[in-house]
N, C-alpha and C. Protein backbone atom coordinates (compact mmCIF):
# COMPACT_ATOMS: atom_id res chain seq x y z
N MET A 1 20.36 -55.96 -49.81
CA MET A 1 20.04 -54.56 -49.52
C MET A 1 20.14 -54.34 -48.02
N ASN A 2 20.28 -53.08 -47.65
CA ASN A 2 20.34 -52.66 -46.25
C ASN A 2 19.25 -51.63 -46.01
N ILE A 3 18.44 -51.87 -44.99
CA ILE A 3 17.40 -50.94 -44.60
C ILE A 3 17.86 -50.26 -43.31
N VAL A 4 17.79 -48.94 -43.28
CA VAL A 4 18.22 -48.18 -42.11
C VAL A 4 17.03 -47.36 -41.61
N LEU A 5 16.65 -47.58 -40.36
CA LEU A 5 15.60 -46.79 -39.73
C LEU A 5 16.26 -45.89 -38.71
N VAL A 6 16.17 -44.59 -38.93
CA VAL A 6 16.79 -43.61 -38.04
C VAL A 6 15.75 -43.14 -37.02
N GLU A 7 16.00 -43.46 -35.77
CA GLU A 7 15.15 -43.07 -34.64
C GLU A 7 13.68 -43.43 -34.84
N PRO A 8 13.39 -44.69 -35.19
CA PRO A 8 11.99 -45.08 -35.35
C PRO A 8 11.24 -44.94 -34.03
N GLU A 9 9.95 -44.63 -34.15
CA GLU A 9 9.15 -44.33 -32.96
C GLU A 9 8.00 -45.31 -32.71
N ILE A 10 7.53 -45.96 -33.74
CA ILE A 10 6.31 -46.77 -33.61
C ILE A 10 6.66 -48.25 -33.74
N PRO A 11 6.53 -49.00 -32.65
CA PRO A 11 6.94 -50.41 -32.66
C PRO A 11 6.35 -51.25 -33.80
N PRO A 12 5.04 -51.16 -34.09
CA PRO A 12 4.52 -52.00 -35.17
C PRO A 12 5.15 -51.69 -36.53
N ASN A 13 5.50 -50.44 -36.80
CA ASN A 13 6.17 -50.12 -38.06
C ASN A 13 7.51 -50.83 -38.14
N THR A 14 8.28 -50.76 -37.07
CA THR A 14 9.59 -51.40 -37.06
C THR A 14 9.44 -52.91 -37.16
N GLY A 15 8.46 -53.47 -36.49
CA GLY A 15 8.20 -54.91 -36.59
C GLY A 15 7.83 -55.32 -38.00
N ASN A 16 7.01 -54.50 -38.67
CA ASN A 16 6.64 -54.81 -40.06
C ASN A 16 7.84 -54.73 -40.98
N VAL A 17 8.72 -53.76 -40.74
CA VAL A 17 9.93 -53.64 -41.56
C VAL A 17 10.84 -54.85 -41.30
N ALA A 18 10.93 -55.30 -40.06
CA ALA A 18 11.74 -56.48 -39.75
C ALA A 18 11.21 -57.70 -40.50
N ARG A 19 9.92 -57.85 -40.56
CA ARG A 19 9.31 -58.96 -41.29
C ARG A 19 9.63 -58.86 -42.78
N LEU A 20 9.57 -57.65 -43.33
CA LEU A 20 9.93 -57.42 -44.72
C LEU A 20 11.40 -57.77 -44.96
N CYS A 21 12.27 -57.37 -44.05
CA CYS A 21 13.69 -57.69 -44.18
C CYS A 21 13.93 -59.19 -44.15
N ALA A 22 13.21 -59.90 -43.29
CA ALA A 22 13.35 -61.36 -43.24
C ALA A 22 12.94 -61.97 -44.57
N ALA A 23 11.84 -61.51 -45.15
CA ALA A 23 11.33 -62.08 -46.40
C ALA A 23 12.22 -61.79 -47.60
N THR A 24 13.00 -60.71 -47.53
CA THR A 24 13.81 -60.30 -48.67
C THR A 24 15.32 -60.48 -48.43
N HIS A 25 15.68 -61.04 -47.30
CA HIS A 25 17.10 -61.19 -46.92
C HIS A 25 17.82 -59.86 -46.92
N SER A 26 17.15 -58.83 -46.47
CA SER A 26 17.76 -57.51 -46.36
C SER A 26 18.20 -57.30 -44.92
N ALA A 27 19.34 -56.66 -44.75
CA ALA A 27 19.82 -56.35 -43.40
C ALA A 27 19.06 -55.14 -42.86
N LEU A 28 18.83 -55.13 -41.55
CA LEU A 28 18.11 -54.04 -40.90
C LEU A 28 19.05 -53.36 -39.90
N HIS A 29 19.15 -52.05 -40.02
CA HIS A 29 19.95 -51.24 -39.10
C HIS A 29 19.01 -50.29 -38.37
N LEU A 30 18.95 -50.41 -37.05
CA LEU A 30 18.14 -49.52 -36.23
C LEU A 30 19.08 -48.52 -35.58
N VAL A 31 18.89 -47.24 -35.91
CA VAL A 31 19.75 -46.19 -35.40
C VAL A 31 18.99 -45.41 -34.34
N GLY A 32 19.54 -45.40 -33.12
CA GLY A 32 18.90 -44.75 -32.00
C GLY A 32 19.15 -43.26 -31.94
N PRO A 33 18.47 -42.67 -30.95
CA PRO A 33 17.67 -43.36 -29.95
C PRO A 33 16.32 -43.82 -30.52
N LEU A 34 15.89 -44.99 -30.06
CA LEU A 34 14.61 -45.55 -30.47
C LEU A 34 13.50 -44.95 -29.63
N GLY A 35 12.31 -44.88 -30.18
CA GLY A 35 11.16 -44.35 -29.46
C GLY A 35 10.41 -45.43 -28.70
N PHE A 36 11.03 -46.58 -28.48
CA PHE A 36 10.41 -47.71 -27.80
C PHE A 36 11.51 -48.62 -27.30
N ARG A 37 11.12 -49.58 -26.48
CA ARG A 37 12.06 -50.62 -26.03
C ARG A 37 11.99 -51.78 -27.01
N LEU A 38 13.10 -52.42 -27.24
CA LEU A 38 13.10 -53.54 -28.18
C LEU A 38 12.24 -54.70 -27.70
N GLY A 39 11.91 -54.75 -26.44
CA GLY A 39 11.06 -55.80 -25.93
C GLY A 39 9.58 -55.49 -26.01
N ASP A 40 9.21 -54.33 -26.56
CA ASP A 40 7.80 -53.96 -26.63
C ASP A 40 6.98 -55.04 -27.31
N ARG A 41 5.85 -55.34 -26.70
CA ARG A 41 4.97 -56.38 -27.21
C ARG A 41 4.52 -56.10 -28.64
N GLU A 42 4.22 -54.82 -28.94
CA GLU A 42 3.77 -54.46 -30.29
C GLU A 42 4.86 -54.74 -31.32
N LEU A 43 6.11 -54.48 -30.95
CA LEU A 43 7.24 -54.72 -31.85
C LEU A 43 7.33 -56.20 -32.17
N LYS A 44 7.28 -57.03 -31.15
CA LYS A 44 7.36 -58.47 -31.35
C LYS A 44 6.17 -59.00 -32.12
N ARG A 45 4.97 -58.49 -31.80
CA ARG A 45 3.77 -58.98 -32.47
C ARG A 45 3.81 -58.63 -33.96
N ALA A 46 4.21 -57.42 -34.29
CA ALA A 46 4.25 -57.01 -35.69
C ALA A 46 5.31 -57.78 -36.46
N GLY A 47 6.43 -58.07 -35.82
CA GLY A 47 7.49 -58.83 -36.47
C GLY A 47 7.25 -60.32 -36.42
N MET A 48 6.23 -60.71 -35.66
CA MET A 48 5.86 -62.10 -35.47
C MET A 48 7.09 -62.90 -35.04
N ASP A 49 7.26 -64.06 -35.61
CA ASP A 49 8.41 -64.89 -35.23
C ASP A 49 9.57 -64.71 -36.21
N TYR A 50 9.58 -63.60 -36.92
CA TYR A 50 10.60 -63.36 -37.94
C TYR A 50 11.89 -62.77 -37.40
N TRP A 51 11.88 -62.25 -36.19
CA TRP A 51 13.06 -61.55 -35.68
C TRP A 51 14.31 -62.42 -35.74
N GLN A 52 14.18 -63.72 -35.45
CA GLN A 52 15.38 -64.57 -35.49
C GLN A 52 15.88 -64.80 -36.91
N GLN A 53 15.09 -64.45 -37.92
CA GLN A 53 15.50 -64.60 -39.31
C GLN A 53 16.08 -63.31 -39.90
N VAL A 54 16.10 -62.27 -39.10
CA VAL A 54 16.57 -60.97 -39.59
C VAL A 54 18.01 -60.73 -39.17
N ASP A 55 18.82 -60.31 -40.14
CA ASP A 55 20.18 -59.86 -39.87
C ASP A 55 20.04 -58.39 -39.47
N TRP A 56 20.07 -58.11 -38.18
CA TRP A 56 19.83 -56.75 -37.73
C TRP A 56 20.88 -56.30 -36.73
N GLN A 57 21.02 -54.99 -36.66
CA GLN A 57 21.98 -54.41 -35.74
C GLN A 57 21.41 -53.11 -35.18
N LEU A 58 21.69 -52.88 -33.91
CA LEU A 58 21.28 -51.66 -33.24
C LEU A 58 22.48 -50.74 -33.11
N TRP A 59 22.31 -49.50 -33.53
CA TRP A 59 23.35 -48.48 -33.42
C TRP A 59 22.87 -47.42 -32.45
N GLU A 60 23.73 -47.01 -31.55
CA GLU A 60 23.36 -46.03 -30.52
C GLU A 60 22.94 -44.70 -31.13
N GLU A 61 23.64 -44.29 -32.18
CA GLU A 61 23.35 -43.00 -32.83
C GLU A 61 23.88 -43.02 -34.26
N TRP A 62 23.51 -41.99 -35.02
CA TRP A 62 23.91 -41.92 -36.42
C TRP A 62 25.43 -41.94 -36.58
N ALA A 63 26.15 -41.21 -35.75
CA ALA A 63 27.61 -41.14 -35.87
C ALA A 63 28.25 -42.53 -35.77
N ALA A 64 27.76 -43.36 -34.88
CA ALA A 64 28.30 -44.72 -34.73
C ALA A 64 28.01 -45.55 -35.98
N PHE A 65 26.80 -45.43 -36.49
CA PHE A 65 26.43 -46.14 -37.71
C PHE A 65 27.30 -45.67 -38.87
N ALA A 66 27.41 -44.38 -39.07
CA ALA A 66 28.18 -43.82 -40.18
C ALA A 66 29.65 -44.22 -40.11
N ALA A 67 30.20 -44.26 -38.90
CA ALA A 67 31.62 -44.63 -38.74
C ALA A 67 31.87 -46.08 -39.12
N ALA A 68 30.85 -46.93 -39.04
CA ALA A 68 31.01 -48.35 -39.33
C ALA A 68 30.71 -48.70 -40.79
N LEU A 69 30.29 -47.73 -41.58
CA LEU A 69 29.96 -48.01 -42.98
C LEU A 69 31.21 -48.42 -43.75
N PRO A 70 31.06 -49.39 -44.64
CA PRO A 70 32.21 -49.78 -45.48
C PRO A 70 32.58 -48.64 -46.43
N ALA A 71 33.83 -48.61 -46.83
CA ALA A 71 34.29 -47.61 -47.78
C ALA A 71 33.45 -47.70 -49.05
N GLY A 72 33.03 -46.57 -49.55
CA GLY A 72 32.24 -46.54 -50.79
C GLY A 72 30.78 -46.88 -50.63
N ALA A 73 30.31 -47.00 -49.39
CA ALA A 73 28.89 -47.34 -49.16
C ALA A 73 28.00 -46.27 -49.80
N ARG A 74 26.93 -46.74 -50.41
CA ARG A 74 25.96 -45.82 -51.05
C ARG A 74 24.71 -45.74 -50.19
N LEU A 75 24.42 -44.53 -49.74
CA LEU A 75 23.24 -44.29 -48.93
C LEU A 75 22.21 -43.52 -49.74
N TRP A 76 20.96 -43.98 -49.67
CA TRP A 76 19.84 -43.31 -50.32
C TRP A 76 18.91 -42.81 -49.23
N MET A 77 18.76 -41.50 -49.11
CA MET A 77 17.88 -40.89 -48.12
C MET A 77 16.48 -40.79 -48.72
N VAL A 78 15.51 -41.42 -48.10
CA VAL A 78 14.15 -41.40 -48.63
C VAL A 78 13.32 -40.48 -47.74
N GLU A 79 12.93 -39.35 -48.34
CA GLU A 79 12.22 -38.31 -47.58
C GLU A 79 11.56 -37.36 -48.57
N GLN A 80 10.41 -36.84 -48.20
CA GLN A 80 9.75 -35.88 -49.08
C GLN A 80 10.68 -34.70 -49.36
N GLY A 81 10.54 -34.12 -50.54
CA GLY A 81 11.35 -32.97 -50.90
C GLY A 81 12.58 -33.30 -51.72
N GLY A 82 12.87 -34.58 -51.91
CA GLY A 82 14.03 -34.95 -52.70
C GLY A 82 13.87 -34.56 -54.16
N ALA A 83 14.97 -34.24 -54.81
CA ALA A 83 14.93 -33.82 -56.22
C ALA A 83 14.63 -34.98 -57.15
N LYS A 84 14.90 -36.20 -56.72
CA LYS A 84 14.77 -37.37 -57.58
C LYS A 84 13.73 -38.33 -56.98
N ARG A 85 12.88 -38.90 -57.86
CA ARG A 85 11.93 -39.93 -57.42
C ARG A 85 12.70 -41.23 -57.16
N TYR A 86 12.18 -42.05 -56.26
CA TYR A 86 12.83 -43.31 -55.91
C TYR A 86 13.01 -44.23 -57.11
N ASP A 87 12.11 -44.19 -58.08
CA ASP A 87 12.20 -45.06 -59.24
C ASP A 87 13.21 -44.56 -60.27
N GLU A 88 13.79 -43.39 -60.06
CA GLU A 88 14.81 -42.84 -60.95
C GLU A 88 16.23 -43.19 -60.48
N ALA A 89 16.33 -43.71 -59.27
CA ALA A 89 17.63 -44.11 -58.73
C ALA A 89 18.06 -45.42 -59.36
N GLU A 90 19.37 -45.64 -59.44
CA GLU A 90 19.92 -46.90 -59.93
C GLU A 90 20.54 -47.61 -58.73
N PHE A 91 19.81 -48.57 -58.19
CA PHE A 91 20.21 -49.24 -56.96
C PHE A 91 21.20 -50.37 -57.23
N GLU A 92 22.04 -50.60 -56.25
CA GLU A 92 22.99 -51.72 -56.27
C GLU A 92 22.72 -52.60 -55.05
N PRO A 93 23.11 -53.88 -55.10
CA PRO A 93 22.75 -54.85 -54.06
C PRO A 93 23.15 -54.48 -52.62
N ASP A 94 24.24 -53.75 -52.44
CA ASP A 94 24.70 -53.44 -51.09
C ASP A 94 24.33 -52.03 -50.64
N ASP A 95 23.43 -51.37 -51.36
CA ASP A 95 23.02 -50.02 -51.00
C ASP A 95 22.30 -49.99 -49.66
N PHE A 96 22.28 -48.80 -49.06
CA PHE A 96 21.59 -48.56 -47.80
C PHE A 96 20.43 -47.62 -48.08
N LEU A 97 19.22 -48.07 -47.79
CA LEU A 97 18.01 -47.27 -47.94
C LEU A 97 17.67 -46.71 -46.56
N VAL A 98 17.70 -45.39 -46.43
CA VAL A 98 17.61 -44.73 -45.13
C VAL A 98 16.27 -44.02 -44.98
N PHE A 99 15.58 -44.31 -43.88
CA PHE A 99 14.27 -43.74 -43.58
C PHE A 99 14.29 -43.12 -42.19
N GLY A 100 13.54 -42.04 -42.01
CA GLY A 100 13.55 -41.32 -40.74
C GLY A 100 12.36 -41.61 -39.85
N ARG A 101 12.32 -40.85 -38.76
CA ARG A 101 11.24 -40.99 -37.78
C ARG A 101 9.88 -40.76 -38.40
N GLU A 102 8.90 -41.45 -37.88
CA GLU A 102 7.54 -41.32 -38.38
C GLU A 102 7.00 -39.90 -38.24
N THR A 103 7.33 -39.21 -37.18
CA THR A 103 6.76 -37.88 -36.95
C THR A 103 7.59 -36.74 -37.51
N ALA A 104 8.87 -36.94 -37.74
CA ALA A 104 9.73 -35.83 -38.15
C ALA A 104 10.59 -36.12 -39.36
N GLY A 105 10.63 -37.35 -39.83
CA GLY A 105 11.46 -37.69 -40.97
C GLY A 105 12.94 -37.67 -40.62
N LEU A 106 13.76 -37.51 -41.65
CA LEU A 106 15.21 -37.47 -41.46
C LEU A 106 15.65 -36.05 -41.11
N PRO A 107 16.70 -35.92 -40.31
CA PRO A 107 17.19 -34.59 -39.95
C PRO A 107 17.62 -33.80 -41.19
N LYS A 108 17.31 -32.51 -41.21
CA LYS A 108 17.61 -31.65 -42.34
C LYS A 108 19.10 -31.68 -42.71
N GLY A 109 19.97 -31.66 -41.72
CA GLY A 109 21.41 -31.68 -41.98
C GLY A 109 21.84 -32.94 -42.70
N LEU A 110 21.27 -34.05 -42.32
CA LEU A 110 21.58 -35.33 -42.97
C LEU A 110 21.13 -35.31 -44.43
N LEU A 111 19.96 -34.76 -44.67
CA LEU A 111 19.46 -34.65 -46.04
C LEU A 111 20.34 -33.73 -46.88
N GLU A 112 20.75 -32.62 -46.30
CA GLU A 112 21.61 -31.68 -47.02
C GLU A 112 22.96 -32.30 -47.34
N ASP A 113 23.50 -33.09 -46.40
CA ASP A 113 24.78 -33.77 -46.62
C ASP A 113 24.70 -34.82 -47.72
N HIS A 114 23.49 -35.30 -48.00
CA HIS A 114 23.30 -36.36 -49.00
C HIS A 114 22.30 -35.90 -50.07
N ALA A 115 22.38 -34.64 -50.46
CA ALA A 115 21.42 -34.07 -51.41
C ALA A 115 21.39 -34.84 -52.73
N ASP A 116 22.53 -35.37 -53.18
CA ASP A 116 22.58 -36.09 -54.45
C ASP A 116 21.90 -37.45 -54.39
N SER A 117 21.67 -37.95 -53.19
CA SER A 117 21.04 -39.27 -53.04
C SER A 117 19.76 -39.18 -52.21
N TRP A 118 19.13 -38.01 -52.26
CA TRP A 118 17.87 -37.77 -51.55
C TRP A 118 16.73 -38.10 -52.49
N LEU A 119 15.96 -39.12 -52.14
CA LEU A 119 14.86 -39.61 -52.98
C LEU A 119 13.52 -39.29 -52.36
N ARG A 120 12.54 -39.10 -53.21
CA ARG A 120 11.17 -38.87 -52.73
C ARG A 120 10.24 -39.92 -53.33
N ILE A 121 9.15 -40.15 -52.64
CA ILE A 121 8.05 -40.97 -53.15
C ILE A 121 6.96 -39.99 -53.56
N PRO A 122 6.47 -40.05 -54.80
CA PRO A 122 5.48 -39.08 -55.26
C PRO A 122 4.20 -39.10 -54.41
N MET A 123 3.68 -37.92 -54.17
CA MET A 123 2.41 -37.75 -53.47
C MET A 123 1.49 -36.96 -54.40
N PHE A 124 0.19 -37.22 -54.32
CA PHE A 124 -0.74 -36.59 -55.24
C PHE A 124 -1.83 -35.78 -54.55
N ASN A 125 -1.85 -35.77 -53.24
CA ASN A 125 -2.86 -35.06 -52.47
C ASN A 125 -2.14 -34.14 -51.49
N ALA A 126 -2.25 -32.84 -51.69
CA ALA A 126 -1.56 -31.88 -50.83
C ALA A 126 -2.02 -31.98 -49.37
N GLY A 127 -3.20 -32.53 -49.13
CA GLY A 127 -3.70 -32.66 -47.77
C GLY A 127 -3.15 -33.85 -47.02
N ALA A 128 -2.52 -34.77 -47.73
CA ALA A 128 -1.93 -35.95 -47.09
C ALA A 128 -0.51 -35.59 -46.65
N ARG A 129 -0.25 -35.65 -45.37
CA ARG A 129 1.07 -35.23 -44.84
C ARG A 129 2.17 -36.21 -45.21
N SER A 130 1.87 -37.49 -45.13
CA SER A 130 2.93 -38.48 -45.35
C SER A 130 2.33 -39.86 -45.57
N LEU A 131 3.19 -40.78 -45.94
CA LEU A 131 2.82 -42.19 -46.06
C LEU A 131 3.36 -42.93 -44.84
N ASN A 132 2.81 -44.09 -44.56
CA ASN A 132 3.31 -44.92 -43.48
C ASN A 132 4.74 -45.34 -43.77
N MET A 133 5.60 -45.24 -42.77
CA MET A 133 7.02 -45.53 -42.95
C MET A 133 7.25 -46.95 -43.44
N ALA A 134 6.58 -47.93 -42.89
CA ALA A 134 6.77 -49.32 -43.32
C ALA A 134 6.35 -49.49 -44.78
N ASN A 135 5.31 -48.78 -45.20
CA ASN A 135 4.90 -48.84 -46.61
C ASN A 135 5.96 -48.21 -47.51
N CYS A 136 6.56 -47.13 -47.05
CA CYS A 136 7.63 -46.48 -47.83
C CYS A 136 8.81 -47.43 -48.01
N VAL A 137 9.18 -48.11 -46.94
CA VAL A 137 10.28 -49.06 -47.04
C VAL A 137 9.94 -50.13 -48.07
N SER A 138 8.73 -50.64 -48.04
CA SER A 138 8.31 -51.67 -49.00
C SER A 138 8.41 -51.19 -50.43
N LEU A 139 7.89 -49.99 -50.69
CA LEU A 139 7.92 -49.44 -52.05
C LEU A 139 9.34 -49.36 -52.59
N VAL A 140 10.22 -48.74 -51.83
CA VAL A 140 11.58 -48.48 -52.32
C VAL A 140 12.39 -49.77 -52.37
N LEU A 141 12.26 -50.61 -51.36
CA LEU A 141 13.01 -51.87 -51.35
C LEU A 141 12.63 -52.74 -52.55
N TYR A 142 11.35 -52.87 -52.83
CA TYR A 142 10.95 -53.72 -53.94
C TYR A 142 11.33 -53.12 -55.29
N GLU A 143 11.40 -51.81 -55.40
CA GLU A 143 11.93 -51.21 -56.63
C GLU A 143 13.40 -51.58 -56.78
N ALA A 144 14.16 -51.48 -55.70
CA ALA A 144 15.59 -51.84 -55.75
C ALA A 144 15.76 -53.31 -56.12
N LEU A 145 14.95 -54.18 -55.54
CA LEU A 145 15.02 -55.61 -55.85
C LEU A 145 14.60 -55.88 -57.30
N ARG A 146 13.59 -55.16 -57.78
CA ARG A 146 13.15 -55.31 -59.17
C ARG A 146 14.30 -54.97 -60.13
N GLN A 147 15.00 -53.87 -59.82
CA GLN A 147 16.11 -53.47 -60.68
C GLN A 147 17.21 -54.53 -60.73
N GLN A 148 17.30 -55.33 -59.70
CA GLN A 148 18.32 -56.37 -59.63
C GLN A 148 17.76 -57.71 -60.10
N GLY A 149 16.60 -57.70 -60.75
CA GLY A 149 16.03 -58.91 -61.32
C GLY A 149 15.48 -59.86 -60.28
N PHE A 150 15.16 -59.36 -59.09
CA PHE A 150 14.66 -60.19 -57.99
C PHE A 150 15.57 -61.40 -57.77
N SER A 151 16.85 -61.16 -57.80
CA SER A 151 17.86 -62.21 -57.60
C SER A 151 17.63 -62.92 -56.27
N GLY A 152 17.62 -64.23 -56.30
CA GLY A 152 17.44 -65.02 -55.09
C GLY A 152 16.01 -65.37 -54.77
N GLU A 153 15.06 -64.97 -55.65
CA GLU A 153 13.64 -65.26 -55.41
C GLU A 153 13.43 -66.77 -55.36
N LEU A 154 12.61 -67.19 -54.42
CA LEU A 154 12.24 -68.61 -54.34
C LEU A 154 11.33 -68.96 -55.49
N ASP A 155 11.36 -70.19 -55.92
CA ASP A 155 10.46 -70.63 -56.99
C ASP A 155 9.01 -70.48 -56.53
N ALA A 156 8.18 -70.01 -57.45
CA ALA A 156 6.76 -69.78 -57.13
C ALA A 156 6.00 -71.09 -57.11
């Protein structure tokens, strides 16, 4: 799987996602501009010593990332307001799960361009604005891995 963080702002969230990517052998794509420096102590602390185990790439901006996508790449935009719940999607091993900034989410134009692959995570309290981005990545990634039979899981 491929995890894409578009303009992440909070170092510990990105570090936690990096740790998740290391544990699941998922590639991590950081699309700038970032809201922090990659050397931030919080980023390293949250990712612990997992950064060297992560297949990750930094992209200057969305256009550069999009231009490098393989032909036929499937992108799933995860953001509130999507017509389809994340558990209704049929994921494939090379899919890209795309998440936006913690404070603003994904750009409206990007969501509109990918309306058919715009997924939401159900919310049950109108007073809750959002879920933590790293938690959202975990939910959707593990659903995608479940659908693939947790292929590659280490023996328990």
